[in-house]
Amino acid sequence: MKTDTADTHWNSTWAGIAPDSKWLNPEEDVIAWARGLAPGARILDLGAGVGRHALWLAEQGFNMVALDAAPEGLAEIARRSDRVETVQARMDSLPLADGDFDHVLSWNVIYHGDEDVLLRTIGEIRRVLKPGGSYLGTMLSRRRLPHEQARYPGREISRNAWTFEAPGTDKIHPHYFCSAAELLALFSGFECLALADREHDSPGSWHWHLTMERL
């Protein structure tokens, strides 16, 4: 069964993106991370959406590639800038060369699927990163799961991967929730530089924020 299906929801969202949407604003964590990177570094924005990070990073002088499975988001990026290369592809099968990137960013993306998809995606991130390159991303915390279960009927389709009866949201598609120990075990071939469990913009919206270094 295919589990990385959330791009169908997001493609519809990107097709009707409003000019004042929050999805057009870069995250403070990304801005802070970028301050420590070498000028002109080559960065992959994996699951770039409508480009809130890729476009901002390109403005800072980084060499940007924005990859997503949703074509509407990539079209929005191309409409707004000619400084970002866009690639339509699945996150677990990247049509990119080994060691092609100094850094990879993936914000609120790679947990959309089951553990097999997630492991393949992490393997691809590792493959396209140069040794010593950094990865900045987020994962869903196991602490969030009870909050979702209290809001919607849910079903665990495989280990740690859940779908919810929440029409009109991406929660009808599989989401992966994990503990810190499980997260670290998934990221074989990486050294963990930072890991924090944070609430986002609503109560119970716990996400792991992680920075990894490719060994």
C-alpha atoms as a PDB file:
ATOM      1  CA  MET A   1       0.000   0.000   0.000  1.00  0.00           C
ATOM      2  CA  LYS A   2       1.309   3.443  -0.929  1.00  0.00           C
ATOM      3  CA  THR A   3       1.626   5.604   2.191  1.00  0.00           C
ATOM      4  CA  ASP A   4       3.403   8.795   1.090  1.00  0.00           C
ATOM      5  CA  THR A   5       0.214  10.297  -0.314  1.00  0.00           C
ATOM      6  CA  ALA A   6      -0.050  13.617   1.524  1.00  0.00           C
ATOM      7  CA  ASP A   7       1.259  15.520  -1.499  1.00  0.00           C
ATOM      8  CA  THR A   8      -2.226  15.165  -3.035  1.00  0.00           C
ATOM      9  CA  HIS A   9      -3.624  17.280  -0.190  1.00  0.00           C
ATOM     10  CA  TRP A  10      -0.824  19.818  -0.347  1.00  0.00           C
ATOM     11  CA  ASN A  11      -0.956  20.121  -4.127  1.00  0.00           C
ATOM     12  CA  SER A  12      -4.553  21.342  -3.791  1.00  0.00           C
ATOM     13  CA  THR A  13      -3.511  23.712  -0.998  1.00  0.00           C
ATOM     14  CA  TRP A  14      -0.673  25.182  -3.057  1.00  0.00           C
ATOM     15  CA  ALA A  15      -2.977  25.698  -6.034  1.00  0.00           C
ATOM     16  CA  GLY A  16      -5.015  28.187  -4.009  1.00  0.00           C
ATOM     17  CA  ILE A  17      -2.298  29.737  -1.848  1.00  0.00           C
ATOM     18  CA  ALA A  18      -3.201  33.192  -0.513  1.00  0.00           C
ATOM     19  CA  PRO A  19      -0.684  36.064  -0.717  1.00  0.00           C
ATOM     20  CA  ASP A  20      -0.659  36.378   3.099  1.00  0.00           C
ATOM     21  CA  SER A  21      -0.429  32.631   3.828  1.00  0.00           C
ATOM     22  CA  LYS A  22       1.806  31.511   6.710  1.00  0.00           C
ATOM     23  CA  TRP A  23       3.278  28.965   4.280  1.00  0.00           C
ATOM     24  CA  LEU A  24       5.127  31.811   2.564  1.00  0.00           C
ATOM     25  CA  ASN A  25       7.093  32.841   5.678  1.00  0.00           C
ATOM     26  CA  PRO A  26      10.439  31.183   6.575  1.00  0.00           C
ATOM     27  CA  GLU A  27      10.821  29.608  10.021  1.00  0.00           C
ATOM     28  CA  GLU A  28      13.068  31.300  12.583  1.00  0.00           C
ATOM     29  CA  ASP A  29      14.980  28.027  13.052  1.00  0.00           C
ATOM     30  CA  VAL A  30      15.846  27.995   9.361  1.00  0.00           C
ATOM     31  CA  ILE A  31      16.978  31.611   9.425  1.00  0.00           C
ATOM     32  CA  ALA A  32      19.201  30.924  12.446  1.00  0.00           C
ATOM     33  CA  TRP A  33      20.630  27.758  10.841  1.00  0.00           C
ATOM     34  CA  ALA A  34      21.456  29.619   7.628  1.00  0.00           C
ATOM     35  CA  ARG A  35      23.524  32.191   9.506  1.00  0.00           C
ATOM     36  CA  GLY A  36      26.078  29.475  10.295  1.00  0.00           C
ATOM     37  CA  LEU A  37      26.440  28.175   6.717  1.00  0.00           C
ATOM     38  CA  ALA A  38      29.215  29.063   4.283  1.00  0.00           C
ATOM     39  CA  PRO A  39      28.229  31.703   1.718  1.00  0.00           C
ATOM     40  CA  GLY A  40      27.050  30.203  -1.551  1.00  0.00           C
ATOM     41  CA  ALA A  41      26.567  26.703  -0.123  1.00  0.00           C
ATOM     42  CA  ARG A  42      24.477  24.316  -2.215  1.00  0.00           C
ATOM     43  CA  ILE A  43      21.272  23.419  -0.353  1.00  0.00           C
ATOM     44  CA  LEU A  44      18.429  21.023  -1.121  1.00  0.00           C
ATOM     45  CA  ASP A  45      14.999  22.053   0.179  1.00  0.00           C
ATOM     46  CA  LEU A  46      13.306  18.651   0.315  1.00  0.00           C
ATOM     47  CA  GLY A  47       9.533  19.049   0.278  1.00  0.00           C
ATOM     48  CA  ALA A  48       9.797  22.729  -0.570  1.00  0.00           C
ATOM     49  CA  GLY A  49       6.068  23.455  -0.889  1.00  0.00           C
ATOM     50  CA  VAL A  50       5.614  26.954  -2.291  1.00  0.00           C
ATOM     51  CA  GLY A  51       9.209  27.845  -1.494  1.00  0.00           C
ATOM     52  CA  ARG A  52       9.045  29.751   1.776  1.00  0.00           C
ATOM     53  CA  HIS A  53      12.557  28.558   2.624  1.00  0.00           C
ATOM     54  CA  ALA A  54      14.067  27.976  -0.809  1.00  0.00           C
ATOM     55  CA  LEU A  55      13.159  31.465  -1.989  1.00  0.00           C
ATOM     56  CA  TRP A  56      14.448  33.164   1.160  1.00  0.00           C
ATOM     57  CA  LEU A  57      17.675  31.148   1.120  1.00  0.00           C
ATOM     58  CA  ALA A  58      18.236  32.006  -2.550  1.00  0.00           C
ATOM     59  CA  GLU A  59      17.880  35.686  -1.648  1.00  0.00           C
ATOM     60  CA  GLN A  60      20.684  35.191   0.879  1.00  0.00           C
ATOM     61  CA  GLY A  61      22.949  33.949  -1.903  1.00  0.00           C
ATOM     62  CA  PHE A  62      22.716  30.186  -1.430  1.00  0.00           C
ATOM     63  CA  ASN A  63      22.638  27.810  -4.400  1.00  0.00           C
ATOM     64  CA  MET A  64      19.155  26.351  -4.047  1.00  0.00           C
ATOM     65  CA  VAL A  65      17.335  23.281  -5.356  1.00  0.00           C
ATOM     66  CA  ALA A  66      13.657  22.968  -4.386  1.00  0.00           C
ATOM     67  CA  LEU A  67      12.238  19.450  -4.644  1.00  0.00           C
ATOM     68  CA  ASP A  68       8.634  18.408  -4.105  1.00  0.00           C
ATOM     69  CA  ALA A  69       6.116  15.827  -5.315  1.00  0.00           C
ATOM     70  CA  ALA A  70       3.411  18.508  -5.668  1.00  0.00           C
ATOM     71  CA  PRO A  71       3.681  20.370  -9.000  1.00  0.00           C
ATOM     72  CA  GLU A  72       1.519  23.322  -7.943  1.00  0.00           C
ATOM     73  CA  GLY A  73       4.047  24.324  -5.284  1.00  0.00           C
ATOM     74  CA  LEU A  74       6.943  24.107  -7.708  1.00  0.00           C
ATOM     75  CA  ALA A  75       5.024  26.226 -10.213  1.00  0.00           C
ATOM     76  CA  GLU A  76       4.597  28.909  -7.549  1.00  0.00           C
ATOM     77  CA  ILE A  77       8.335  28.862  -6.832  1.00  0.00           C
ATOM     78  CA  ALA A  78       9.168  29.194 -10.527  1.00  0.00           C
ATOM     79  CA  ARG A  79       6.668  32.045 -10.855  1.00  0.00           C
ATOM     80  CA  ARG A  80       8.280  33.976  -8.016  1.00  0.00           C
ATOM     81  CA  SER A  81      11.970  33.475  -8.819  1.00  0.00           C
ATOM     82  CA  ASP A  82      14.374  32.225 -11.481  1.00  0.00           C
ATOM     83  CA  ARG A  83      17.134  31.717  -8.888  1.00  0.00           C
ATOM     84  CA  VAL A  84      15.816  28.398  -7.557  1.00  0.00           C
ATOM     85  CA  GLU A  85      16.102  25.149  -9.495  1.00  0.00           C
ATOM     86  CA  THR A  86      12.904  23.082  -9.138  1.00  0.00           C
ATOM     87  CA  VAL A  87      12.666  19.288  -9.286  1.00  0.00           C
ATOM     88  CA  GLN A  88       9.466  17.232  -9.104  1.00  0.00           C
ATOM     89  CA  ALA A  89      10.166  13.881  -7.428  1.00  0.00           C
ATOM     90  CA  ARG A  90       9.274  11.628  -4.498  1.00  0.00           C
ATOM     91  CA  MET A  91      11.231  12.187  -1.291  1.00  0.00           C
ATOM     92  CA  ASP A  92      12.353   8.559  -1.080  1.00  0.00           C
ATOM     93  CA  SER A  93      13.736   8.431  -4.629  1.00  0.00           C
ATOM     94  CA  LEU A  94      15.769  11.548  -5.393  1.00  0.00           C
ATOM     95  CA  PRO A  95      16.973  12.033  -8.995  1.00  0.00           C
ATOM     96  CA  LEU A  96      20.097  13.737  -7.663  1.00  0.00           C
ATOM     97  CA  ALA A  97      23.784  12.834  -7.627  1.00  0.00           C
ATOM     98  CA  ASP A  98      25.625  11.374  -4.659  1.00  0.00           C
ATOM     99  CA  GLY A  99      27.228  14.002  -2.433  1.00  0.00           C
ATOM    100  CA  ASP A 100      25.805  16.868  -4.486  1.00  0.00           C
ATOM    101  CA  PHE A 101      24.735  19.057  -1.546  1.00  0.00           C
ATOM    102  CA  ASP A 102      26.469  20.844   1.296  1.00  0.00           C
ATOM    103  CA  HIS A 103      23.234  20.881   3.305  1.00  0.00           C
ATOM    104  CA  VAL A 104      19.673  19.527   3.209  1.00  0.00           C
ATOM    105  CA  LEU A 105      16.606  21.172   4.731  1.00  0.00           C
ATOM    106  CA  SER A 106      13.255  19.406   5.125  1.00  0.00           C
ATOM    107  CA  TRP A 107      10.668  21.177   7.279  1.00  0.00           C
ATOM    108  CA  ASN A 108       7.498  19.283   8.264  1.00  0.00           C
ATOM    109  CA  VAL A 109       7.872  16.801   5.413  1.00  0.00           C
ATOM    110  CA  ILE A 110       9.575  13.437   5.880  1.00  0.00           C
ATOM    111  CA  TYR A 111       7.144  12.078   8.486  1.00  0.00           C
ATOM    112  CA  HIS A 112       4.408  11.832   5.820  1.00  0.00           C
ATOM    113  CA  GLY A 113       4.514   8.079   5.296  1.00  0.00           C
ATOM    114  CA  ASP A 114       5.261   4.798   7.013  1.00  0.00           C
ATOM    115  CA  GLU A 115       8.610   3.642   8.386  1.00  0.00           C
ATOM    116  CA  ASP A 116       9.710   2.098   5.078  1.00  0.00           C
ATOM    117  CA  VAL A 117       9.200   5.404   3.261  1.00  0.00           C
ATOM    118  CA  LEU A 118      10.909   7.274   6.084  1.00  0.00           C
ATOM    119  CA  LEU A 119      13.970   4.993   6.092  1.00  0.00           C
ATOM    120  CA  ARG A 120      14.341   5.250   2.320  1.00  0.00           C
ATOM    121  CA  THR A 121      14.018   9.032   2.545  1.00  0.00           C
ATOM    122  CA  ILE A 122      16.670   9.307   5.253  1.00  0.00           C
ATOM    123  CA  GLY A 123      18.908   7.059   3.165  1.00  0.00           C
ATOM    124  CA  GLU A 124      18.461   9.383   0.200  1.00  0.00           C
ATOM    125  CA  ILE A 125      19.221  12.447   2.329  1.00  0.00           C
ATOM    126  CA  ARG A 126      22.403  10.757   3.502  1.00  0.00           C
ATOM    127  CA  ARG A 127      23.335   9.797  -0.068  1.00  0.00           C
ATOM    128  CA  VAL A 128      23.004  13.288  -1.583  1.00  0.00           C
ATOM    129  CA  LEU A 129      24.789  15.026   1.315  1.00  0.00           C
ATOM    130  CA  LYS A 130      28.528  15.547   1.360  1.00  0.00           C
ATOM    131  CA  PRO A 131      30.332  14.063   4.391  1.00  0.00           C
ATOM    132  CA  GLY A 132      30.199  16.664   7.138  1.00  0.00           C
ATOM    133  CA  GLY A 133      27.129  18.289   5.593  1.00  0.00           C
ATOM    134  CA  SER A 134      24.204  19.188   7.818  1.00  0.00           C
ATOM    135  CA  TYR A 135      20.546  18.236   7.782  1.00  0.00           C
ATOM    136  CA  LEU A 136      17.913  20.438   9.411  1.00  0.00           C
ATOM    137  CA  GLY A 137      14.428  19.029   9.763  1.00  0.00           C
ATOM    138  CA  THR A 138      11.420  18.140  11.865  1.00  0.00           C
ATOM    139  CA  MET A 139       9.654  14.934  12.879  1.00  0.00           C
ATOM    140  CA  LEU A 140       6.387  14.330  14.713  1.00  0.00           C
ATOM    141  CA  SER A 141       6.851  13.627  18.409  1.00  0.00           C
ATOM    142  CA  ARG A 142       5.121  10.702  20.062  1.00  0.00           C
ATOM    143  CA  ARG A 143       3.952  13.290  22.617  1.00  0.00           C
ATOM    144  CA  ARG A 144       1.657  14.688  19.917  1.00  0.00           C
ATOM    145  CA  LEU A 145      -0.164  11.426  19.239  1.00  0.00           C
ATOM    146  CA  PRO A 146      -2.631  11.553  22.189  1.00  0.00           C
ATOM    147  CA  HIS A 147      -3.686  15.066  21.145  1.00  0.00           C
ATOM    148  CA  GLU A 148      -4.510  13.847  17.638  1.00  0.00           C
ATOM    149  CA  GLN A 149      -6.348  10.803  19.008  1.00  0.00           C
ATOM    150  CA  ALA A 150      -8.462  13.096  21.214  1.00  0.00           C
ATOM    151  CA  ARG A 151      -9.534  15.120  18.173  1.00  0.00           C
ATOM    152  CA  TYR A 152     -10.115  12.436  15.541  1.00  0.00           C
ATOM    153  CA  PRO A 153     -10.690   8.672  15.333  1.00  0.00           C
ATOM    154  CA  GLY A 154      -7.387   7.161  14.281  1.00  0.00           C
ATOM    155  CA  ARG A 155      -5.855   3.899  13.118  1.00  0.00           C
ATOM    156  CA  GLU A 156      -2.251   2.684  13.347  1.00  0.00           C
ATOM    157  CA  ILE A 157      -1.612   1.267   9.873  1.00  0.00           C
ATOM    158  CA  SER A 158       1.909   0.080  10.743  1.00  0.00           C
ATOM    159  CA  ARG A 159       4.447   0.721  13.493  1.00  0.00           C
ATOM    160  CA  ASN A 160       4.183   4.409  14.528  1.00  0.00           C
ATOM    161  CA  ALA A 161       2.293   5.349  11.334  1.00  0.00           C
ATOM    162  CA  TRP A 162      -1.249   6.651  11.818  1.00  0.00           C
ATOM    163  CA  THR A 163      -4.156   7.906   9.741  1.00  0.00           C
ATOM    164  CA  PHE A 164      -7.093   9.886  11.151  1.00  0.00           C
ATOM    165  CA  GLU A 165     -10.696  10.485  10.140  1.00  0.00           C
ATOM    166  CA  ALA A 166     -10.164  14.197   9.533  1.00  0.00           C
ATOM    167  CA  PRO A 167     -11.648  15.137   6.142  1.00  0.00           C
ATOM    168  CA  GLY A 168     -10.230  18.274   4.591  1.00  0.00           C
ATOM    169  CA  THR A 169      -6.850  17.889   6.314  1.00  0.00           C
ATOM    170  CA  ASP A 170      -3.676  16.008   5.489  1.00  0.00           C
ATOM    171  CA  LYS A 171      -4.268  13.789   8.545  1.00  0.00           C
ATOM    172  CA  ILE A 172      -6.269  11.398   6.401  1.00  0.00           C
ATOM    173  CA  HIS A 173      -2.842  10.487   4.967  1.00  0.00           C
ATOM    174  CA  PRO A 174      -0.248   8.511   6.986  1.00  0.00           C
ATOM    175  CA  HIS A 175       1.832  10.382   9.580  1.00  0.00           C
ATOM    176  CA  TYR A 176       4.731   8.905  11.540  1.00  0.00           C
ATOM    177  CA  PHE A 177       5.159   9.634  15.278  1.00  0.00           C
ATOM    178  CA  CYS A 178       8.258   8.678  17.275  1.00  0.00           C
ATOM    179  CA  SER A 179      10.188   9.004  20.508  1.00  0.00           C
ATOM    180  CA  ALA A 180      13.684  10.493  20.708  1.00  0.00           C
ATOM    181  CA  ALA A 181      15.291   7.040  20.894  1.00  0.00           C
ATOM    182  CA  GLU A 182      13.340   5.865  17.837  1.00  0.00           C
ATOM    183  CA  LEU A 183      14.272   8.999  15.921  1.00  0.00           C
ATOM    184  CA  LEU A 184      17.987   8.593  16.607  1.00  0.00           C
ATOM    185  CA  ALA A 185      17.841   4.939  15.533  1.00  0.00           C
ATOM    186  CA  LEU A 186      16.298   5.974  12.199  1.00  0.00           C
ATOM    187  CA  PHE A 187      19.141   8.375  11.386  1.00  0.00           C
ATOM    188  CA  SER A 188      21.890   5.833  10.826  1.00  0.00           C
ATOM    189  CA  GLY A 189      25.020   7.434   9.397  1.00  0.00           C
ATOM    190  CA  PHE A 190      24.387  10.774  11.085  1.00  0.00           C
ATOM    191  CA  GLU A 191      25.642  12.454  14.245  1.00  0.00           C
ATOM    192  CA  CYS A 192      22.957  14.305  16.183  1.00  0.00           C
ATOM    193  CA  LEU A 193      23.987  17.925  16.800  1.00  0.00           C
ATOM    194  CA  ALA A 194      20.693  19.171  18.295  1.00  0.00           C
ATOM    195  CA  LEU A 195      17.318  17.683  19.193  1.00  0.00           C
ATOM    196  CA  ALA A 196      14.381  19.436  20.871  1.00  0.00           C
ATOM    197  CA  ASP A 197      10.682  18.633  21.264  1.00  0.00           C
ATOM    198  CA  ARG A 198       8.635  21.799  20.650  1.00  0.00           C
ATOM    199  CA  GLU A 199       5.025  22.822  20.309  1.00  0.00           C
ATOM    200  CA  HIS A 200       4.197  24.634  17.105  1.00  0.00           C
ATOM    201  CA  ASP A 201       1.263  27.000  16.673  1.00  0.00           C
ATOM    202  CA  SER A 202      -1.424  25.010  18.485  1.00  0.00           C
ATOM    203  CA  PRO A 203      -1.578  23.195  21.864  1.00  0.00           C
ATOM    204  CA  GLY A 204      -0.256  19.663  21.581  1.00  0.00           C
ATOM    205  CA  SER A 205       1.406  20.228  18.193  1.00  0.00           C
ATOM    206  CA  TRP A 206       4.684  18.662  19.285  1.00  0.00           C
ATOM    207  CA  HIS A 207       7.467  18.322  16.728  1.00  0.00           C
ATOM    208  CA  TRP A 208      11.046  17.206  17.040  1.00  0.00           C
ATOM    209  CA  HIS A 209      13.428  19.849  15.715  1.00  0.00           C
ATOM    210  CA  LEU A 210      16.673  18.159  14.724  1.00  0.00           C
ATOM    211  CA  THR A 211      20.026  19.069  13.302  1.00  0.00           C
ATOM    212  CA  MET A 212      22.186  16.212  12.060  1.00  0.00           C
ATOM    213  CA  GLU A 213      25.660  15.944  10.567  1.00  0.00           C
ATOM    214  CA  ARG A 214      26.336  13.388   7.859  1.00  0.00           C
ATOM    215  CA  LEU A 215      29.199  11.095   8.881  1.00  0.00           C
END
